[in-house]
Amino acid sequence: MTAKKEKIKGSIPEFKSIEEEAEFWDTHDTTDYEDEFKPVKVRFAKNLTAGLTLRFDHETMAKLKKLAGEKKIPVASLVHLWVRERLAEPEGRSASTKKS
């Protein structure tokens, strides 16, 4: 059995596509290549520590749902994205909030 493993084992080839790599791993055992794997550093998103509840009228909520659906993301994610984008803008950049 060891001879068979040694015969199969080699180095992990370079792949031209994800599909090619998937085919390779469908027919090979990762345990035969453990010595070639390298540890990676994993970072996770920060824990969100505060929540906010917003209430919208039905028309506004319908528009938000439509826009979020077009982007294929939840409504809350869309609103969160917009708030972060707005907060990242330099102060005074948006003329729509200034009163004449």
N, C-alpha and C. Protein backbone atom coordinates (compact mmCIF):
# COMPACT_ATOMS: atom_id res chain seq x y z
N MET A 1 0.82 -1.20 0.00
CA MET A 1 0.00 0.00 0.00
C MET A 1 0.86 1.26 0.00
N THR A 2 2.00 1.21 0.70
CA THR A 2 2.89 2.36 0.72
C THR A 2 3.45 2.63 -0.67
N ALA A 3 3.76 1.58 -1.40
CA ALA A 3 4.29 1.74 -2.75
C ALA A 3 3.27 2.43 -3.64
N LYS A 4 2.00 2.08 -3.47
CA LYS A 4 0.95 2.71 -4.28
C LYS A 4 0.86 4.21 -3.95
N LYS A 5 0.89 4.54 -2.65
CA LYS A 5 0.82 5.95 -2.25
C LYS A 5 1.99 6.73 -2.82
N GLU A 6 3.19 6.14 -2.75
CA GLU A 6 4.36 6.83 -3.26
C GLU A 6 4.27 7.02 -4.77
N LYS A 7 3.65 6.05 -5.45
CA LYS A 7 3.50 6.14 -6.90
C LYS A 7 2.57 7.30 -7.27
N ILE A 8 1.48 7.48 -6.52
CA ILE A 8 0.51 8.54 -6.77
C ILE A 8 1.08 9.90 -6.35
N LYS A 9 1.78 9.87 -5.23
CA LYS A 9 2.25 11.12 -4.65
C LYS A 9 3.31 11.79 -5.50
N GLY A 10 3.21 13.06 -5.59
CA GLY A 10 4.20 13.90 -6.26
C GLY A 10 4.00 15.28 -5.68
N SER A 11 4.31 16.28 -6.43
CA SER A 11 4.03 17.60 -5.92
C SER A 11 2.72 18.08 -6.53
N ILE A 12 2.07 18.98 -5.85
CA ILE A 12 0.81 19.53 -6.34
C ILE A 12 1.12 20.34 -7.60
N PRO A 13 0.44 20.02 -8.71
CA PRO A 13 0.74 20.74 -9.94
C PRO A 13 0.17 22.17 -9.94
N GLU A 14 0.64 22.97 -10.87
CA GLU A 14 0.06 24.30 -11.09
C GLU A 14 -1.20 24.09 -11.93
N PHE A 15 -2.27 24.79 -11.58
CA PHE A 15 -3.53 24.61 -12.29
C PHE A 15 -3.83 25.83 -13.14
N LYS A 16 -4.43 25.60 -14.29
CA LYS A 16 -4.79 26.68 -15.20
C LYS A 16 -6.16 27.26 -14.89
N SER A 17 -6.97 26.51 -14.14
CA SER A 17 -8.31 26.99 -13.81
C SER A 17 -8.79 26.31 -12.53
N ILE A 18 -9.83 26.87 -11.96
CA ILE A 18 -10.44 26.27 -10.77
C ILE A 18 -11.01 24.90 -11.13
N GLU A 19 -11.58 24.81 -12.33
CA GLU A 19 -12.15 23.54 -12.77
C GLU A 19 -11.09 22.44 -12.85
N GLU A 20 -9.92 22.81 -13.37
CA GLU A 20 -8.82 21.85 -13.47
C GLU A 20 -8.37 21.40 -12.08
N GLU A 21 -8.32 22.36 -11.16
CA GLU A 21 -7.93 22.02 -9.79
C GLU A 21 -8.97 21.13 -9.14
N ALA A 22 -10.26 21.44 -9.37
CA ALA A 22 -11.34 20.62 -8.80
C ALA A 22 -11.26 19.19 -9.30
N GLU A 23 -10.99 19.02 -10.59
CA GLU A 23 -10.84 17.68 -11.16
C GLU A 23 -9.69 16.93 -10.49
N PHE A 24 -8.58 17.63 -10.27
CA PHE A 24 -7.43 17.01 -9.64
C PHE A 24 -7.80 16.51 -8.24
N TRP A 25 -8.44 17.37 -7.43
CA TRP A 25 -8.75 17.00 -6.06
C TRP A 25 -9.89 15.99 -5.99
N ASP A 26 -10.68 15.88 -7.05
CA ASP A 26 -11.71 14.83 -7.09
C ASP A 26 -11.08 13.45 -7.20
N THR A 27 -9.87 13.39 -7.72
CA THR A 27 -9.22 12.09 -7.94
C THR A 27 -7.96 11.89 -7.08
N HIS A 28 -7.66 12.83 -6.20
CA HIS A 28 -6.49 12.71 -5.34
C HIS A 28 -6.88 12.96 -3.89
N ASP A 29 -6.10 12.42 -2.98
CA ASP A 29 -6.35 12.56 -1.55
C ASP A 29 -5.42 13.63 -0.98
N THR A 30 -6.00 14.61 -0.29
CA THR A 30 -5.19 15.70 0.27
C THR A 30 -4.17 15.20 1.29
N THR A 31 -4.45 14.08 1.94
CA THR A 31 -3.50 13.56 2.93
C THR A 31 -2.19 13.12 2.28
N ASP A 32 -2.22 12.85 0.98
CA ASP A 32 -0.99 12.49 0.28
C ASP A 32 -0.09 13.71 0.05
N TYR A 33 -0.61 14.89 0.30
CA TYR A 33 0.12 16.13 0.00
C TYR A 33 0.26 17.04 1.23
N GLU A 34 0.01 16.49 2.41
CA GLU A 34 0.04 17.31 3.63
C GLU A 34 1.34 18.07 3.82
N ASP A 35 2.45 17.48 3.44
CA ASP A 35 3.74 18.14 3.63
C ASP A 35 3.92 19.36 2.74
N GLU A 36 3.05 19.53 1.74
CA GLU A 36 3.15 20.69 0.85
C GLU A 36 2.25 21.85 1.27
N PHE A 37 1.34 21.59 2.18
CA PHE A 37 0.43 22.65 2.63
C PHE A 37 1.15 23.60 3.57
N LYS A 38 0.80 24.86 3.49
CA LYS A 38 1.39 25.88 4.35
C LYS A 38 0.28 26.50 5.20
N PRO A 39 0.58 26.79 6.45
CA PRO A 39 -0.44 27.44 7.28
C PRO A 39 -0.75 28.85 6.75
N VAL A 40 -1.97 29.27 6.90
CA VAL A 40 -2.36 30.61 6.48
C VAL A 40 -2.91 31.37 7.67
N LYS A 41 -2.76 32.67 7.61
CA LYS A 41 -3.29 33.51 8.66
C LYS A 41 -4.73 33.88 8.28
N VAL A 42 -5.64 33.66 9.20
CA VAL A 42 -7.05 33.94 8.94
C VAL A 42 -7.48 35.12 9.79
N ARG A 43 -8.14 36.08 9.13
CA ARG A 43 -8.68 37.21 9.88
C ARG A 43 -10.19 37.21 9.71
N PHE A 44 -10.88 37.50 10.79
CA PHE A 44 -12.33 37.54 10.76
C PHE A 44 -12.80 38.98 10.91
N ALA A 45 -13.99 39.24 10.43
CA ALA A 45 -14.56 40.58 10.55
C ALA A 45 -14.71 40.93 12.02
N LYS A 46 -14.65 42.21 12.29
CA LYS A 46 -14.83 42.68 13.66
C LYS A 46 -16.23 42.33 14.12
N ASN A 47 -16.34 42.05 15.41
CA ASN A 47 -17.67 41.83 15.97
C ASN A 47 -18.42 43.15 16.00
N LEU A 48 -19.64 43.12 15.51
CA LEU A 48 -20.46 44.32 15.57
C LEU A 48 -21.00 44.41 16.99
N THR A 49 -20.83 45.55 17.62
CA THR A 49 -21.19 45.66 19.02
C THR A 49 -22.44 46.48 19.28
N ALA A 50 -22.98 47.12 18.27
CA ALA A 50 -24.17 47.94 18.48
C ALA A 50 -25.16 47.72 17.35
N GLY A 51 -26.42 47.73 17.69
CA GLY A 51 -27.46 47.57 16.69
C GLY A 51 -28.28 48.85 16.59
N LEU A 52 -29.02 48.94 15.52
CA LEU A 52 -29.85 50.11 15.28
C LEU A 52 -31.12 49.64 14.58
N THR A 53 -32.26 50.07 15.10
CA THR A 53 -33.52 49.72 14.47
C THR A 53 -34.05 50.95 13.75
N LEU A 54 -34.38 50.77 12.48
CA LEU A 54 -34.93 51.87 11.69
C LEU A 54 -36.32 51.49 11.24
N ARG A 55 -37.19 52.47 11.18
CA ARG A 55 -38.55 52.24 10.69
C ARG A 55 -38.76 53.12 9.46
N PHE A 56 -39.26 52.50 8.39
CA PHE A 56 -39.53 53.20 7.15
C PHE A 56 -41.00 53.06 6.78
N ASP A 57 -41.51 54.04 6.06
CA ASP A 57 -42.87 53.91 5.55
C ASP A 57 -42.85 52.82 4.47
N HIS A 58 -44.04 52.32 4.10
CA HIS A 58 -44.14 51.20 3.17
C HIS A 58 -43.52 51.50 1.81
N GLU A 59 -43.70 52.72 1.32
CA GLU A 59 -43.15 53.08 0.01
C GLU A 59 -41.61 53.04 0.02
N THR A 60 -41.02 53.63 1.06
CA THR A 60 -39.56 53.63 1.18
C THR A 60 -39.02 52.21 1.32
N MET A 61 -39.71 51.40 2.13
CA MET A 61 -39.27 50.02 2.34
C MET A 61 -39.35 49.22 1.04
N ALA A 62 -40.40 49.47 0.26
CA ALA A 62 -40.54 48.78 -1.02
C ALA A 62 -39.40 49.14 -1.97
N LYS A 63 -39.02 50.42 -1.99
CA LYS A 63 -37.91 50.85 -2.83
C LYS A 63 -36.60 50.21 -2.38
N LEU A 64 -36.40 50.18 -1.05
CA LEU A 64 -35.18 49.56 -0.52
C LEU A 64 -35.12 48.08 -0.89
N LYS A 65 -36.25 47.38 -0.76
CA LYS A 65 -36.27 45.96 -1.09
C LYS A 65 -35.97 45.74 -2.57
N LYS A 66 -36.52 46.60 -3.42
CA LYS A 66 -36.28 46.47 -4.85
C LYS A 66 -34.79 46.67 -5.17
N LEU A 67 -34.20 47.74 -4.62
CA LEU A 67 -32.78 48.01 -4.87
C LEU A 67 -31.89 46.90 -4.32
N ALA A 68 -32.21 46.43 -3.12
CA ALA A 68 -31.41 45.35 -2.52
C ALA A 68 -31.55 44.08 -3.35
N GLY A 69 -32.76 43.81 -3.84
CA GLY A 69 -32.98 42.63 -4.67
C GLY A 69 -32.18 42.68 -5.96
N GLU A 70 -32.09 43.87 -6.55
CA GLU A 70 -31.30 44.03 -7.77
C GLU A 70 -29.83 43.73 -7.53
N LYS A 71 -29.36 44.05 -6.31
CA LYS A 71 -27.96 43.79 -5.97
C LYS A 71 -27.77 42.41 -5.34
N LYS A 72 -28.90 41.72 -5.12
CA LYS A 72 -28.88 40.38 -4.51
C LYS A 72 -28.24 40.39 -3.13
N ILE A 73 -28.60 41.39 -2.33
CA ILE A 73 -28.14 41.48 -0.95
C ILE A 73 -29.33 41.81 -0.05
N PRO A 74 -29.24 41.51 1.23
CA PRO A 74 -30.33 41.86 2.14
C PRO A 74 -30.47 43.39 2.26
N VAL A 75 -31.68 43.83 2.59
CA VAL A 75 -31.94 45.27 2.75
C VAL A 75 -31.00 45.87 3.80
N ALA A 76 -30.83 45.19 4.91
CA ALA A 76 -29.98 45.71 5.99
C ALA A 76 -28.54 45.90 5.50
N SER A 77 -28.06 44.99 4.66
CA SER A 77 -26.70 45.11 4.13
C SER A 77 -26.58 46.32 3.21
N LEU A 78 -27.62 46.57 2.42
CA LEU A 78 -27.61 47.73 1.53
C LEU A 78 -27.57 49.03 2.33
N VAL A 79 -28.41 49.13 3.34
CA VAL A 79 -28.44 50.34 4.18
C VAL A 79 -27.12 50.50 4.91
N HIS A 80 -26.58 49.42 5.43
CA HIS A 80 -25.29 49.46 6.12
C HIS A 80 -24.20 49.96 5.18
N LEU A 81 -24.19 49.46 3.94
CA LEU A 81 -23.22 49.90 2.94
C LEU A 81 -23.34 51.39 2.67
N TRP A 82 -24.57 51.86 2.49
CA TRP A 82 -24.78 53.29 2.22
C TRP A 82 -24.32 54.16 3.38
N VAL A 83 -24.59 53.74 4.59
CA VAL A 83 -24.17 54.53 5.76
C VAL A 83 -22.65 54.58 5.82
N ARG A 84 -22.00 53.46 5.62
CA ARG A 84 -20.53 53.45 5.65
C ARG A 84 -19.93 54.30 4.54
N GLU A 85 -20.53 54.24 3.34
CA GLU A 85 -20.04 55.08 2.24
C GLU A 85 -20.18 56.55 2.59
N ARG A 86 -21.32 56.91 3.15
CA ARG A 86 -21.57 58.31 3.49
C ARG A 86 -20.60 58.79 4.58
N LEU A 87 -20.36 57.97 5.56
CA LEU A 87 -19.43 58.34 6.64
C LEU A 87 -17.99 58.44 6.14
N ALA A 88 -17.67 57.74 5.08
CA ALA A 88 -16.31 57.78 4.53
C ALA A 88 -16.07 59.02 3.68
N GLU A 89 -17.14 59.71 3.26
CA GLU A 89 -16.99 60.91 2.44
C GLU A 89 -16.36 62.03 3.27
N PRO A 90 -15.55 62.85 2.62
CA PRO A 90 -15.00 64.01 3.32
C PRO A 90 -16.14 64.93 3.78
N GLU A 91 -15.96 65.57 4.90
CA GLU A 91 -16.98 66.46 5.42
C GLU A 91 -17.30 67.57 4.44
N GLY A 92 -18.58 67.85 4.25
CA GLY A 92 -19.01 68.92 3.36
C GLY A 92 -19.04 68.55 1.91
N ARG A 93 -18.76 67.30 1.58
CA ARG A 93 -18.70 66.87 0.17
C ARG A 93 -20.09 66.83 -0.47
N SER A 94 -21.09 66.44 0.29
CA SER A 94 -22.43 66.28 -0.28
C SER A 94 -23.22 67.56 -0.22
N ALA A 95 -23.54 68.11 -1.39
CA ALA A 95 -24.31 69.36 -1.46
C ALA A 95 -25.76 69.12 -1.14
N SER A 96 -26.24 67.88 -1.24
CA SER A 96 -27.65 67.60 -1.01
C SER A 96 -28.07 67.79 0.44
N THR A 97 -27.11 67.77 1.38
CA THR A 97 -27.46 67.93 2.78
C THR A 97 -27.33 69.40 3.24
N LYS A 98 -26.71 70.23 2.43
CA LYS A 98 -26.53 71.64 2.79
C LYS A 98 -27.81 72.40 2.52
N LYS A 99 -28.15 73.28 3.43
CA LYS A 99 -29.33 74.13 3.25
C LYS A 99 -28.90 75.50 2.78
N SER A 100 -29.60 76.05 1.80
CA SER A 100 -29.24 77.36 1.24
C SER A 100 -29.82 78.46 2.06
